[in-house]
Amino acid sequence: MSITSFIVEVMDTMASDFIKRALTVGDVARRSGVAVSTVHFYEAKGLIEGWRTAGNQRRYHRAVLRRIAIIRIAQQAGIPLAVIREALADLPHDHVPNARDWQHFTDAWKDMLQQRIDGLTQLRDQIASCIGCGCLSLEECPLRNPADALGRQGAGPRRLIAGK
């Protein structure tokens, strides 16, 4: 056996092993706890990546399972998919995210989450003062019209008028 044919045989074996370890869309859905349609949705949004076999079947690297776990955790925290995609953009799709990667994500998301927590805390603490009339220009509405900024723009539902 020549060195060239040996190298070709080794490469073929490695490629075959890689494809055997690749996951089908059904495998990904079952192992990650999401629907097949969710896997396709994540792929369409650029959050995960797969490839097609010669038989036109979708395959995914095993690292996709950790990516989907990160996506689901971030979604549960209320992080928009565009922000998640941005955070995952520099992470190769065949790389299993590790603790350092997770730290990078959480560092990027902490301020946004704190702003959301602060807003929800304010809403919880001040919601009783809102009469829910929808005018959004009450002098006393600290939720949607702090310091009556809309009232200085004129009478009526200023947010609705501005949208015309």
N, C-alpha and C. Protein backbone atom coordinates (compact mmCIF):
# COMPACT_ATOMS: atom_id res chain seq x y z
N MET A 1 0.85 -1.17 0.00
CA MET A 1 0.00 0.00 0.00
C MET A 1 0.90 1.24 0.00
N SER A 2 0.63 2.15 -0.91
CA SER A 2 1.41 3.38 -0.97
C SER A 2 0.96 4.34 0.12
N ILE A 3 1.81 5.30 0.40
CA ILE A 3 1.48 6.31 1.43
C ILE A 3 0.26 7.12 1.02
N THR A 4 0.12 7.39 -0.26
CA THR A 4 -1.02 8.16 -0.76
C THR A 4 -2.33 7.40 -0.54
N SER A 5 -2.33 6.11 -0.91
CA SER A 5 -3.56 5.34 -0.72
C SER A 5 -3.86 5.15 0.76
N PHE A 6 -2.83 5.05 1.59
CA PHE A 6 -3.02 4.94 3.03
C PHE A 6 -3.67 6.22 3.58
N ILE A 7 -3.18 7.37 3.15
CA ILE A 7 -3.73 8.65 3.60
C ILE A 7 -5.19 8.78 3.14
N VAL A 8 -5.46 8.41 1.91
CA VAL A 8 -6.83 8.49 1.40
C VAL A 8 -7.75 7.57 2.22
N GLU A 9 -7.28 6.37 2.53
CA GLU A 9 -8.08 5.43 3.32
C GLU A 9 -8.34 5.97 4.72
N VAL A 10 -7.33 6.55 5.35
CA VAL A 10 -7.50 7.14 6.68
C VAL A 10 -8.48 8.30 6.62
N MET A 11 -8.35 9.15 5.63
CA MET A 11 -9.26 10.30 5.49
C MET A 11 -10.69 9.82 5.27
N ASP A 12 -10.88 8.80 4.44
CA ASP A 12 -12.22 8.25 4.21
C ASP A 12 -12.81 7.69 5.51
N THR A 13 -11.99 7.00 6.28
CA THR A 13 -12.44 6.44 7.55
C THR A 13 -12.83 7.56 8.52
N MET A 14 -12.01 8.60 8.59
CA MET A 14 -12.30 9.74 9.48
C MET A 14 -13.59 10.42 9.06
N ALA A 15 -13.77 10.63 7.77
CA ALA A 15 -14.99 11.28 7.28
C ALA A 15 -16.20 10.41 7.59
N SER A 16 -16.06 9.10 7.38
CA SER A 16 -17.16 8.19 7.66
C SER A 16 -17.52 8.21 9.15
N ASP A 17 -16.51 8.21 10.03
CA ASP A 17 -16.75 8.27 11.47
C ASP A 17 -17.43 9.58 11.86
N PHE A 18 -17.01 10.67 11.24
CA PHE A 18 -17.60 11.98 11.54
C PHE A 18 -19.08 11.98 11.17
N ILE A 19 -19.40 11.45 10.00
CA ILE A 19 -20.79 11.43 9.56
C ILE A 19 -21.62 10.50 10.44
N LYS A 20 -21.05 9.39 10.87
CA LYS A 20 -21.78 8.47 11.76
C LYS A 20 -22.09 9.13 13.10
N ARG A 21 -21.20 10.01 13.57
CA ARG A 21 -21.42 10.68 14.86
C ARG A 21 -22.31 11.91 14.72
N ALA A 22 -22.54 12.37 13.50
CA ALA A 22 -23.39 13.53 13.28
C ALA A 22 -24.83 13.17 13.66
N LEU A 23 -25.57 14.19 14.03
CA LEU A 23 -26.95 13.99 14.49
C LEU A 23 -27.95 14.36 13.41
N THR A 24 -29.02 13.60 13.32
CA THR A 24 -30.12 13.96 12.43
C THR A 24 -30.95 15.04 13.13
N VAL A 25 -31.85 15.65 12.38
CA VAL A 25 -32.70 16.68 12.98
C VAL A 25 -33.58 16.08 14.07
N GLY A 26 -34.02 14.83 13.87
CA GLY A 26 -34.81 14.15 14.90
C GLY A 26 -34.01 13.89 16.16
N ASP A 27 -32.73 13.49 15.98
CA ASP A 27 -31.85 13.28 17.13
C ASP A 27 -31.68 14.57 17.92
N VAL A 28 -31.42 15.65 17.19
CA VAL A 28 -31.22 16.96 17.84
C VAL A 28 -32.47 17.35 18.62
N ALA A 29 -33.63 17.21 17.99
CA ALA A 29 -34.89 17.58 18.65
C ALA A 29 -35.11 16.75 19.91
N ARG A 30 -34.95 15.44 19.79
CA ARG A 30 -35.19 14.54 20.93
C ARG A 30 -34.22 14.82 22.06
N ARG A 31 -32.93 14.97 21.74
CA ARG A 31 -31.92 15.13 22.78
C ARG A 31 -31.92 16.52 23.40
N SER A 32 -32.39 17.53 22.67
CA SER A 32 -32.40 18.89 23.22
C SER A 32 -33.75 19.27 23.81
N GLY A 33 -34.77 18.45 23.56
CA GLY A 33 -36.08 18.73 24.15
C GLY A 33 -36.88 19.79 23.42
N VAL A 34 -36.59 20.00 22.14
CA VAL A 34 -37.35 20.96 21.35
C VAL A 34 -37.99 20.23 20.17
N ALA A 35 -38.95 20.85 19.55
CA ALA A 35 -39.60 20.27 18.38
C ALA A 35 -38.67 20.35 17.16
N VAL A 36 -38.89 19.47 16.21
CA VAL A 36 -38.12 19.51 14.97
C VAL A 36 -38.27 20.88 14.30
N SER A 37 -39.48 21.42 14.34
CA SER A 37 -39.71 22.74 13.74
C SER A 37 -38.87 23.82 14.43
N THR A 38 -38.62 23.66 15.72
CA THR A 38 -37.78 24.62 16.45
C THR A 38 -36.34 24.52 15.98
N VAL A 39 -35.86 23.31 15.74
CA VAL A 39 -34.50 23.13 15.21
C VAL A 39 -34.39 23.85 13.88
N HIS A 40 -35.38 23.65 13.00
CA HIS A 40 -35.37 24.32 11.70
C HIS A 40 -35.44 25.83 11.86
N PHE A 41 -36.27 26.29 12.80
CA PHE A 41 -36.40 27.73 13.06
C PHE A 41 -35.07 28.32 13.52
N TYR A 42 -34.41 27.67 14.47
CA TYR A 42 -33.11 28.15 14.95
C TYR A 42 -32.10 28.21 13.81
N GLU A 43 -32.15 27.23 12.95
CA GLU A 43 -31.22 27.22 11.81
C GLU A 43 -31.54 28.36 10.85
N ALA A 44 -32.81 28.58 10.57
CA ALA A 44 -33.22 29.66 9.67
C ALA A 44 -32.80 31.02 10.23
N LYS A 45 -32.80 31.15 11.56
CA LYS A 45 -32.42 32.41 12.20
C LYS A 45 -30.91 32.55 12.37
N GLY A 46 -30.14 31.55 11.96
CA GLY A 46 -28.69 31.63 12.04
C GLY A 46 -28.12 31.32 13.42
N LEU A 47 -28.92 30.70 14.27
CA LEU A 47 -28.46 30.37 15.62
C LEU A 47 -27.67 29.06 15.65
N ILE A 48 -28.06 28.13 14.78
CA ILE A 48 -27.35 26.86 14.67
C ILE A 48 -27.08 26.62 13.19
N GLU A 49 -26.22 25.64 12.92
CA GLU A 49 -25.86 25.36 11.54
C GLU A 49 -25.74 23.85 11.34
N GLY A 50 -26.17 23.39 10.21
CA GLY A 50 -26.04 21.99 9.85
C GLY A 50 -25.57 21.89 8.41
N TRP A 51 -25.62 20.69 7.89
CA TRP A 51 -25.25 20.49 6.49
C TRP A 51 -26.13 19.38 5.94
N ARG A 52 -26.08 19.19 4.65
CA ARG A 52 -26.86 18.16 4.00
C ARG A 52 -25.94 17.04 3.53
N THR A 53 -26.43 15.82 3.67
CA THR A 53 -25.69 14.65 3.19
C THR A 53 -25.90 14.53 1.69
N ALA A 54 -25.22 13.57 1.09
CA ALA A 54 -25.40 13.31 -0.34
C ALA A 54 -26.85 12.93 -0.63
N GLY A 55 -27.54 12.35 0.34
CA GLY A 55 -28.95 11.99 0.20
C GLY A 55 -29.89 13.12 0.57
N ASN A 56 -29.36 14.34 0.75
CA ASN A 56 -30.12 15.55 1.04
C ASN A 56 -30.78 15.53 2.42
N GLN A 57 -30.18 14.83 3.38
CA GLN A 57 -30.69 14.80 4.74
C GLN A 57 -29.87 15.76 5.60
N ARG A 58 -30.53 16.43 6.54
CA ARG A 58 -29.85 17.38 7.43
C ARG A 58 -29.05 16.62 8.46
N ARG A 59 -27.86 17.13 8.76
CA ARG A 59 -27.01 16.59 9.82
C ARG A 59 -26.45 17.76 10.62
N TYR A 60 -26.20 17.48 11.90
CA TYR A 60 -25.70 18.51 12.81
C TYR A 60 -24.55 17.95 13.63
N HIS A 61 -23.60 18.82 13.91
CA HIS A 61 -22.50 18.45 14.81
C HIS A 61 -23.07 18.33 16.21
N ARG A 62 -22.48 17.48 17.03
CA ARG A 62 -22.97 17.28 18.39
C ARG A 62 -22.93 18.55 19.25
N ALA A 63 -22.07 19.48 18.89
CA ALA A 63 -21.98 20.74 19.63
C ALA A 63 -23.28 21.53 19.58
N VAL A 64 -24.15 21.22 18.61
CA VAL A 64 -25.41 21.92 18.48
C VAL A 64 -26.28 21.73 19.73
N LEU A 65 -26.12 20.63 20.43
CA LEU A 65 -26.93 20.38 21.63
C LEU A 65 -26.65 21.42 22.70
N ARG A 66 -25.39 21.76 22.91
CA ARG A 66 -25.04 22.78 23.91
C ARG A 66 -25.50 24.15 23.45
N ARG A 67 -25.36 24.43 22.15
CA ARG A 67 -25.83 25.71 21.62
C ARG A 67 -27.33 25.87 21.86
N ILE A 68 -28.10 24.81 21.61
CA ILE A 68 -29.54 24.89 21.82
C ILE A 68 -29.85 25.08 23.29
N ALA A 69 -29.09 24.44 24.16
CA ALA A 69 -29.30 24.64 25.61
C ALA A 69 -29.07 26.11 25.97
N ILE A 70 -28.03 26.71 25.43
CA ILE A 70 -27.75 28.13 25.69
C ILE A 70 -28.87 29.00 25.14
N ILE A 71 -29.33 28.70 23.95
CA ILE A 71 -30.42 29.47 23.34
C ILE A 71 -31.66 29.40 24.22
N ARG A 72 -32.01 28.21 24.68
CA ARG A 72 -33.22 28.04 25.49
C ARG A 72 -33.10 28.76 26.83
N ILE A 73 -31.94 28.69 27.47
CA ILE A 73 -31.74 29.39 28.74
C ILE A 73 -31.86 30.90 28.53
N ALA A 74 -31.23 31.39 27.48
CA ALA A 74 -31.28 32.82 27.19
C ALA A 74 -32.70 33.27 26.87
N GLN A 75 -33.43 32.46 26.11
CA GLN A 75 -34.82 32.80 25.81
C GLN A 75 -35.66 32.84 27.07
N GLN A 76 -35.45 31.91 27.98
CA GLN A 76 -36.21 31.90 29.23
C GLN A 76 -35.91 33.15 30.05
N ALA A 77 -34.72 33.71 29.89
CA ALA A 77 -34.37 34.94 30.59
C ALA A 77 -34.90 36.17 29.86
N GLY A 78 -35.55 35.96 28.72
CA GLY A 78 -36.13 37.07 27.98
C GLY A 78 -35.17 37.74 27.02
N ILE A 79 -34.07 37.11 26.72
CA ILE A 79 -33.09 37.70 25.80
C ILE A 79 -33.57 37.46 24.37
N PRO A 80 -33.65 38.52 23.57
CA PRO A 80 -34.14 38.38 22.19
C PRO A 80 -33.21 37.51 21.34
N LEU A 81 -33.79 36.81 20.37
CA LEU A 81 -33.00 35.93 19.51
C LEU A 81 -31.89 36.67 18.77
N ALA A 82 -32.13 37.92 18.39
CA ALA A 82 -31.08 38.68 17.70
C ALA A 82 -29.86 38.88 18.60
N VAL A 83 -30.09 39.10 19.87
CA VAL A 83 -28.99 39.27 20.83
C VAL A 83 -28.27 37.94 21.05
N ILE A 84 -29.03 36.87 21.11
CA ILE A 84 -28.44 35.53 21.27
C ILE A 84 -27.58 35.21 20.05
N ARG A 85 -28.11 35.47 18.87
CA ARG A 85 -27.36 35.21 17.63
C ARG A 85 -26.06 36.00 17.61
N GLU A 86 -26.13 37.25 18.03
CA GLU A 86 -24.92 38.09 18.08
C GLU A 86 -23.88 37.50 19.03
N ALA A 87 -24.33 37.00 20.17
CA ALA A 87 -23.40 36.42 21.14
C ALA A 87 -22.77 35.14 20.62
N LEU A 88 -23.54 34.36 19.86
CA LEU A 88 -23.03 33.09 19.33
C LEU A 88 -22.25 33.25 18.04
N ALA A 89 -22.27 34.43 17.45
CA ALA A 89 -21.69 34.64 16.12
C ALA A 89 -20.21 34.26 16.02
N ASP A 90 -19.43 34.54 17.04
CA ASP A 90 -18.00 34.26 16.99
C ASP A 90 -17.64 32.85 17.43
N LEU A 91 -18.63 32.09 17.80
CA LEU A 91 -18.40 30.73 18.30
C LEU A 91 -18.57 29.73 17.15
N PRO A 92 -17.52 29.01 16.78
CA PRO A 92 -17.66 28.04 15.69
C PRO A 92 -18.75 27.02 16.00
N HIS A 93 -19.48 26.63 14.97
CA HIS A 93 -20.61 25.72 15.16
C HIS A 93 -20.19 24.32 15.58
N ASP A 94 -18.93 23.97 15.35
CA ASP A 94 -18.47 22.64 15.76
C ASP A 94 -17.72 22.68 17.10
N HIS A 95 -17.82 23.80 17.79
CA HIS A 95 -17.17 23.98 19.10
C HIS A 95 -18.23 23.83 20.19
N VAL A 96 -17.96 22.96 21.15
CA VAL A 96 -18.87 22.81 22.28
C VAL A 96 -18.60 23.97 23.24
N PRO A 97 -19.59 24.85 23.44
CA PRO A 97 -19.38 25.98 24.35
C PRO A 97 -18.98 25.50 25.75
N ASN A 98 -18.02 26.20 26.34
CA ASN A 98 -17.51 25.81 27.65
C ASN A 98 -17.79 26.92 28.66
N ALA A 99 -17.24 26.78 29.86
CA ALA A 99 -17.48 27.75 30.93
C ALA A 99 -17.00 29.15 30.54
N ARG A 100 -15.87 29.23 29.86
CA ARG A 100 -15.36 30.54 29.44
C ARG A 100 -16.30 31.20 28.43
N ASP A 101 -16.83 30.40 27.51
CA ASP A 101 -17.81 30.93 26.54
C ASP A 101 -19.06 31.42 27.27
N TRP A 102 -19.54 30.62 28.23
CA TRP A 102 -20.74 31.00 28.98
C TRP A 102 -20.49 32.30 29.75
N GLN A 103 -19.31 32.46 30.31
CA GLN A 103 -18.96 33.70 31.02
C GLN A 103 -19.01 34.89 30.07
N HIS A 104 -18.53 34.70 28.85
CA HIS A 104 -18.58 35.75 27.83
C HIS A 104 -20.03 36.15 27.55
N PHE A 105 -20.91 35.15 27.40
CA PHE A 105 -22.32 35.45 27.14
C PHE A 105 -22.94 36.21 28.30
N THR A 106 -22.74 35.71 29.51
CA THR A 106 -23.38 36.33 30.67
C THR A 106 -22.84 37.74 30.92
N ASP A 107 -21.58 37.95 30.67
CA ASP A 107 -21.03 39.31 30.81
C ASP A 107 -21.74 40.27 29.84
N ALA A 108 -21.99 39.78 28.64
CA ALA A 108 -22.64 40.62 27.63
C ALA A 108 -24.11 40.88 27.96
N TRP A 109 -24.74 39.96 28.68
CA TRP A 109 -26.18 40.06 28.94
C TRP A 109 -26.53 40.65 30.29
N LYS A 110 -25.59 40.78 31.20
CA LYS A 110 -25.91 41.22 32.57
C LYS A 110 -26.58 42.59 32.62
N ASP A 111 -26.03 43.57 31.92
CA ASP A 111 -26.60 44.92 31.97
C ASP A 111 -28.03 44.95 31.41
N MET A 112 -28.24 44.25 30.30
CA MET A 112 -29.56 44.20 29.70
C MET A 112 -30.56 43.55 30.66
N LEU A 113 -30.15 42.47 31.29
CA LEU A 113 -31.03 41.79 32.24
C LEU A 113 -31.31 42.66 33.46
N GLN A 114 -30.31 43.38 33.94
CA GLN A 114 -30.51 44.26 35.09
C GLN A 114 -31.49 45.38 34.75
N GLN A 115 -31.40 45.94 33.55
CA GLN A 115 -32.34 46.97 33.13
C GLN A 115 -33.77 46.41 33.11
N ARG A 116 -33.91 45.18 32.62
CA ARG A 116 -35.22 44.55 32.57
C ARG A 116 -35.75 44.31 33.99
N ILE A 117 -34.88 43.84 34.88
CA ILE A 117 -35.27 43.61 36.28
C ILE A 117 -35.70 44.92 36.93
N ASP A 118 -34.93 45.98 36.72
CA ASP A 118 -35.27 47.30 37.28
C ASP A 118 -36.61 47.79 36.77
N GLY A 119 -36.86 47.62 35.46
CA GLY A 119 -38.13 48.06 34.88
C GLY A 119 -39.31 47.27 35.43
N LEU A 120 -39.13 45.97 35.58
CA LEU A 120 -40.20 45.14 36.13
C LEU A 120 -40.44 45.44 37.60
N THR A 121 -39.39 45.72 38.33
CA THR A 121 -39.54 46.09 39.74
C THR A 121 -40.31 47.40 39.86
N GLN A 122 -39.98 48.36 39.01
CA GLN A 122 -40.69 49.64 39.01
C GLN A 122 -42.16 49.41 38.65
N LEU A 123 -42.41 48.59 37.66
CA LEU A 123 -43.78 48.29 37.26
C LEU A 123 -44.55 47.67 38.41
N ARG A 124 -43.95 46.68 39.07
CA ARG A 124 -44.61 46.02 40.20
C ARG A 124 -44.93 47.03 41.31
N ASP A 125 -43.96 47.90 41.62
CA ASP A 125 -44.12 48.82 42.74
C ASP A 125 -45.06 49.98 42.43
N GLN A 126 -45.24 50.33 41.16
CA GLN A 126 -46.02 51.52 40.82
C GLN A 126 -47.29 51.23 40.04
N ILE A 127 -47.58 49.98 39.78
CA ILE A 127 -48.72 49.66 38.92
C ILE A 127 -50.06 50.10 39.52
N ALA A 128 -50.16 50.16 40.83
CA ALA A 128 -51.42 50.56 41.46
C ALA A 128 -51.77 52.01 41.16
N SER A 129 -50.77 52.84 40.82
CA SER A 129 -51.07 54.25 40.55
C SER A 129 -51.53 54.46 39.12
N CYS A 130 -51.50 53.43 38.29
CA CYS A 130 -51.95 53.54 36.90
C CYS A 130 -53.40 53.11 36.83
N ILE A 131 -54.24 53.93 36.21
CA ILE A 131 -55.65 53.57 36.10
C ILE A 131 -55.94 52.81 34.82
N GLY A 132 -54.92 52.60 34.01
CA GLY A 132 -55.06 51.78 32.82
C GLY A 132 -56.00 52.34 31.77
N CYS A 133 -56.11 53.67 31.70
CA CYS A 133 -57.06 54.26 30.74
C CYS A 133 -56.52 54.26 29.32
N GLY A 134 -55.22 54.13 29.15
CA GLY A 134 -54.65 54.10 27.82
C GLY A 134 -54.30 55.46 27.25
N CYS A 135 -54.55 56.54 27.99
CA CYS A 135 -54.26 57.86 27.43
C CYS A 135 -52.75 58.12 27.38
N LEU A 136 -52.01 57.52 28.27
CA LEU A 136 -50.55 57.63 28.32
C LEU A 136 -50.04 59.06 28.45
N SER A 137 -50.89 59.96 28.92
CA SER A 137 -50.42 61.32 29.16
C SER A 137 -50.87 61.85 30.52
N LEU A 138 -51.17 60.95 31.45
CA LEU A 138 -51.52 61.37 32.79
C LEU A 138 -50.35 62.08 33.45
N GLU A 139 -50.63 63.13 34.21
CA GLU A 139 -49.56 63.83 34.94
C GLU A 139 -48.90 62.92 35.95
N GLU A 140 -49.65 62.00 36.53
CA GLU A 140 -49.15 61.17 37.61
C GLU A 140 -48.68 59.78 37.17
N CYS A 141 -48.57 59.52 35.89
CA CYS A 141 -48.21 58.17 35.44
C CYS A 141 -46.69 58.01 35.39
N PRO A 142 -46.10 57.39 36.43
CA PRO A 142 -44.65 57.24 36.45
C PRO A 142 -44.16 56.09 35.58
N LEU A 143 -45.09 55.28 35.07
CA LEU A 143 -44.69 54.12 34.28
C LEU A 143 -44.46 54.47 32.82
N ARG A 144 -45.40 55.13 32.21
CA ARG A 144 -45.32 55.40 30.77
C ARG A 144 -45.09 56.87 30.45
N ASN A 145 -45.20 57.74 31.45
CA ASN A 145 -45.08 59.16 31.19
C ASN A 145 -44.43 59.87 32.37
N PRO A 146 -43.18 59.54 32.65
CA PRO A 146 -42.53 60.17 33.79
C PRO A 146 -42.46 61.70 33.62
N ALA A 147 -42.76 62.41 34.70
CA ALA A 147 -42.73 63.89 34.75
C ALA A 147 -43.65 64.51 33.69
N ASP A 148 -44.68 63.81 33.28
CA ASP A 148 -45.67 64.29 32.32
C ASP A 148 -45.04 64.86 31.05
N ALA A 149 -44.03 64.16 30.54
CA ALA A 149 -43.35 64.61 29.31
C ALA A 149 -44.33 64.68 28.14
N LEU A 150 -45.27 63.74 28.08
CA LEU A 150 -46.23 63.75 26.96
C LEU A 150 -47.24 64.89 27.09
N GLY A 151 -47.59 65.24 28.31
CA GLY A 151 -48.54 66.33 28.52
C GLY A 151 -48.02 67.65 27.97
N ARG A 152 -46.71 67.84 27.99
CA ARG A 152 -46.11 69.07 27.46
C ARG A 152 -46.19 69.12 25.93
N GLN A 153 -46.46 67.97 25.30
CA GLN A 153 -46.58 67.92 23.84
C GLN A 153 -47.98 68.30 23.37
N GLY A 154 -48.95 68.32 24.27
CA GLY A 154 -50.30 68.67 23.90
C GLY A 154 -51.31 67.74 24.53
N ALA A 155 -52.59 68.01 24.26
CA ALA A 155 -53.68 67.24 24.83
C ALA A 155 -53.90 65.95 24.05
N GLY A 156 -54.55 64.98 24.72
CA GLY A 156 -54.94 63.75 24.06
C GLY A 156 -53.90 62.65 24.15
N PRO A 157 -54.19 61.54 23.51
CA PRO A 157 -53.30 60.38 23.57
C PRO A 157 -52.07 60.59 22.68
N ARG A 158 -51.06 61.22 23.22
CA ARG A 158 -49.90 61.66 22.44
C ARG A 158 -49.18 60.52 21.72
N ARG A 159 -49.07 59.37 22.33
CA ARG A 159 -48.38 58.26 21.66
C ARG A 159 -49.17 57.79 20.44
N LEU A 160 -50.47 57.82 20.52
CA LEU A 160 -51.29 57.43 19.36
C LEU A 160 -51.26 58.48 18.28
N ILE A 161 -51.28 59.75 18.68
CA ILE A 161 -51.25 60.85 17.72
C ILE A 161 -49.90 60.87 16.99
N ALA A 162 -48.83 60.61 17.72
CA ALA A 162 -47.49 60.63 17.11
C ALA A 162 -47.33 59.51 16.09
N GLY A 163 -48.09 58.44 16.23
CA GLY A 163 -47.97 57.29 15.33
C GLY A 163 -48.66 57.50 14.00
N LYS A 164 -49.41 58.59 13.81
CA LYS A 164 -50.14 58.83 12.54
C LYS A 164 -49.20 59.18 11.44
